[in-house]
Amino acid sequence: MVARIAAGAARTAQSRRAAIPPDRSGPAAPSASAAVRTGSVRLHLAMDLPYPTDIPHVCERIQHDVAKQVTRLTGLEVGEVTLTVRRLVTAADASRGRVR
């Protein structure tokens, strides 16, 4: 449950901080995993980011936003948020969408 909350918060933060629209035709949705210990949680996120972007700054802001949202919704203290950038997406990649 915590991982799903974190994934939703990451999608919102990705849209806000990285200017990636939260729709189905764009990059893959962020994924999240959570390791819950007594009263606290460690999160790991994986997501696509646009290219070009200030990767360190955007990642820091997304990590902060996700931690804040997870704490607000779960009451758990977020001890750590790691973020893996799966790939950088150019405007051409985003406009192509996914082929099914």
C-alpha atoms as a PDB file:
ATOM      1  CA  MET A   1       0.000   0.000   0.000  1.00  0.00           C
ATOM      2  CA  VAL A   2       2.813   2.446   0.862  1.00  0.00           C
ATOM      3  CA  ALA A   3       4.522   1.698  -2.466  1.00  0.00           C
ATOM      4  CA  ARG A   4       1.313   2.511  -4.370  1.00  0.00           C
ATOM      5  CA  ILE A   5       0.958   5.790  -2.498  1.00  0.00           C
ATOM      6  CA  ALA A   6       4.607   6.602  -3.278  1.00  0.00           C
ATOM      7  CA  ALA A   7       4.133   5.740  -6.979  1.00  0.00           C
ATOM      8  CA  GLY A   8       1.118   8.054  -7.197  1.00  0.00           C
ATOM      9  CA  ALA A   9       3.008  10.828  -5.422  1.00  0.00           C
ATOM     10  CA  ALA A  10       5.952  10.286  -7.785  1.00  0.00           C
ATOM     11  CA  ARG A  11       3.662  10.591 -10.824  1.00  0.00           C
ATOM     12  CA  THR A  12       2.293  13.884  -9.507  1.00  0.00           C
ATOM     13  CA  ALA A  13       5.783  15.172  -8.675  1.00  0.00           C
ATOM     14  CA  GLN A  14       7.103  14.050 -12.085  1.00  0.00           C
ATOM     15  CA  SER A  15       4.354  16.036 -13.767  1.00  0.00           C
ATOM     16  CA  ARG A  16       4.954  19.112 -11.573  1.00  0.00           C
ATOM     17  CA  ARG A  17       8.737  19.163 -11.340  1.00  0.00           C
ATOM     18  CA  ALA A  18       9.809  17.619 -14.640  1.00  0.00           C
ATOM     19  CA  ALA A  19       6.994  18.918 -16.856  1.00  0.00           C
ATOM     20  CA  ILE A  20       6.007  15.427 -17.971  1.00  0.00           C
ATOM     21  CA  PRO A  21       2.242  15.252 -18.428  1.00  0.00           C
ATOM     22  CA  PRO A  22       0.531  12.523 -16.385  1.00  0.00           C
ATOM     23  CA  ASP A  23      -1.165  10.813 -19.335  1.00  0.00           C
ATOM     24  CA  ARG A  24      -0.947   7.380 -20.906  1.00  0.00           C
ATOM     25  CA  SER A  25       0.747   8.483 -24.131  1.00  0.00           C
ATOM     26  CA  GLY A  26       3.890   9.803 -22.465  1.00  0.00           C
ATOM     27  CA  PRO A  27       6.759   8.093 -20.649  1.00  0.00           C
ATOM     28  CA  ALA A  28       6.211   5.006 -18.506  1.00  0.00           C
ATOM     29  CA  ALA A  29       4.649   5.634 -15.118  1.00  0.00           C
ATOM     30  CA  PRO A  30       7.017   5.856 -12.169  1.00  0.00           C
ATOM     31  CA  SER A  31       7.471   2.718 -10.104  1.00  0.00           C
ATOM     32  CA  ALA A  32       8.043   2.570  -6.373  1.00  0.00           C
ATOM     33  CA  SER A  33       8.988   0.094  -3.695  1.00  0.00           C
ATOM     34  CA  ALA A  34       8.844   0.585   0.049  1.00  0.00           C
ATOM     35  CA  ALA A  35      10.616  -1.009   2.990  1.00  0.00           C
ATOM     36  CA  VAL A  36       8.551  -0.327   6.108  1.00  0.00           C
ATOM     37  CA  ARG A  37      10.086  -0.589   9.553  1.00  0.00           C
ATOM     38  CA  THR A  38       8.463   0.377  12.830  1.00  0.00           C
ATOM     39  CA  GLY A  39       7.070   3.853  12.166  1.00  0.00           C
ATOM     40  CA  SER A  40       9.331   4.646   9.226  1.00  0.00           C
ATOM     41  CA  VAL A  41       9.780   3.783   5.578  1.00  0.00           C
ATOM     42  CA  ARG A  42      12.543   3.784   2.972  1.00  0.00           C
ATOM     43  CA  LEU A  43      11.385   4.401  -0.592  1.00  0.00           C
ATOM     44  CA  HIS A  44      12.922   3.615  -3.950  1.00  0.00           C
ATOM     45  CA  LEU A  45      11.526   5.309  -7.060  1.00  0.00           C
ATOM     46  CA  ALA A  46      12.298   4.714 -10.732  1.00  0.00           C
ATOM     47  CA  MET A  47      11.094   7.091 -13.433  1.00  0.00           C
ATOM     48  CA  ASP A  48      11.752   8.742 -16.770  1.00  0.00           C
ATOM     49  CA  LEU A  49      12.799  12.395 -16.951  1.00  0.00           C
ATOM     50  CA  PRO A  50      12.764  14.829 -19.868  1.00  0.00           C
ATOM     51  CA  TYR A  51      15.922  15.743 -21.721  1.00  0.00           C
ATOM     52  CA  PRO A  52      17.362  18.289 -21.294  1.00  0.00           C
ATOM     53  CA  THR A  53      16.744  18.909 -17.604  1.00  0.00           C
ATOM     54  CA  ASP A  54      18.674  19.786 -14.462  1.00  0.00           C
ATOM     55  CA  ILE A  55      18.705  16.189 -13.225  1.00  0.00           C
ATOM     56  CA  PRO A  56      20.115  16.759  -9.689  1.00  0.00           C
ATOM     57  CA  HIS A  57      17.711  19.617  -8.961  1.00  0.00           C
ATOM     58  CA  VAL A  58      14.631  17.879 -10.386  1.00  0.00           C
ATOM     59  CA  CYS A  59      15.430  14.614  -8.575  1.00  0.00           C
ATOM     60  CA  GLU A  60      15.908  16.430  -5.272  1.00  0.00           C
ATOM     61  CA  ARG A  61      12.566  18.217  -5.617  1.00  0.00           C
ATOM     62  CA  ILE A  62      10.748  14.990  -6.580  1.00  0.00           C
ATOM     63  CA  GLN A  63      12.281  13.138  -3.623  1.00  0.00           C
ATOM     64  CA  HIS A  64      11.180  15.912  -1.281  1.00  0.00           C
ATOM     65  CA  ASP A  65       7.645  16.046  -2.704  1.00  0.00           C
ATOM     66  CA  VAL A  66       7.192  12.265  -2.501  1.00  0.00           C
ATOM     67  CA  ALA A  67       8.509  12.092   1.071  1.00  0.00           C
ATOM     68  CA  LYS A  68       6.189  14.871   2.162  1.00  0.00           C
ATOM     69  CA  GLN A  69       3.136  13.289   0.495  1.00  0.00           C
ATOM     70  CA  VAL A  70       3.850   9.785   1.821  1.00  0.00           C
ATOM     71  CA  THR A  71       4.281  11.139   5.356  1.00  0.00           C
ATOM     72  CA  ARG A  72       1.064  13.137   5.049  1.00  0.00           C
ATOM     73  CA  LEU A  73      -0.973  10.182   3.769  1.00  0.00           C
ATOM     74  CA  THR A  74       0.501   7.361   5.869  1.00  0.00           C
ATOM     75  CA  GLY A  75       1.796   9.012   9.034  1.00  0.00           C
ATOM     76  CA  LEU A  76       5.102   7.191   8.534  1.00  0.00           C
ATOM     77  CA  GLU A  77       8.413   9.008   8.772  1.00  0.00           C
ATOM     78  CA  VAL A  78      10.256   8.749   5.459  1.00  0.00           C
ATOM     79  CA  GLY A  79      13.878   8.010   6.262  1.00  0.00           C
ATOM     80  CA  GLU A  80      15.210   7.852   2.721  1.00  0.00           C
ATOM     81  CA  VAL A  81      14.032   8.277  -0.855  1.00  0.00           C
ATOM     82  CA  THR A  82      16.298   6.969  -3.594  1.00  0.00           C
ATOM     83  CA  LEU A  83      15.472   7.755  -7.187  1.00  0.00           C
ATOM     84  CA  THR A  84      16.700   5.945 -10.278  1.00  0.00           C
ATOM     85  CA  VAL A  85      16.331   7.663 -13.640  1.00  0.00           C
ATOM     86  CA  ARG A  86      15.330   4.860 -16.030  1.00  0.00           C
ATOM     87  CA  ARG A  87      15.791   6.942 -19.155  1.00  0.00           C
ATOM     88  CA  LEU A  88      15.849  10.491 -20.453  1.00  0.00           C
ATOM     89  CA  VAL A  89      12.955  11.286 -22.769  1.00  0.00           C
ATOM     90  CA  THR A  90      13.253  13.811 -25.581  1.00  0.00           C
ATOM     91  CA  ALA A  91      10.239  15.734 -26.858  1.00  0.00           C
ATOM     92  CA  ALA A  92      10.205  13.438 -29.916  1.00  0.00           C
ATOM     93  CA  ASP A  93      10.040  10.332 -27.660  1.00  0.00           C
ATOM     94  CA  ALA A  94       7.157  11.769 -25.662  1.00  0.00           C
ATOM     95  CA  SER A  95       5.149  12.703 -28.763  1.00  0.00           C
ATOM     96  CA  ARG A  96       5.471   9.218 -30.261  1.00  0.00           C
ATOM     97  CA  GLY A  97       3.774   7.538 -27.317  1.00  0.00           C
ATOM     98  CA  ARG A  98       3.744   3.790 -26.879  1.00  0.00           C
ATOM     99  CA  VAL A  99       3.141   1.209 -29.532  1.00  0.00           C
ATOM    100  CA  ARG A 100       0.985  -1.710 -28.455  1.00  0.00           C
END
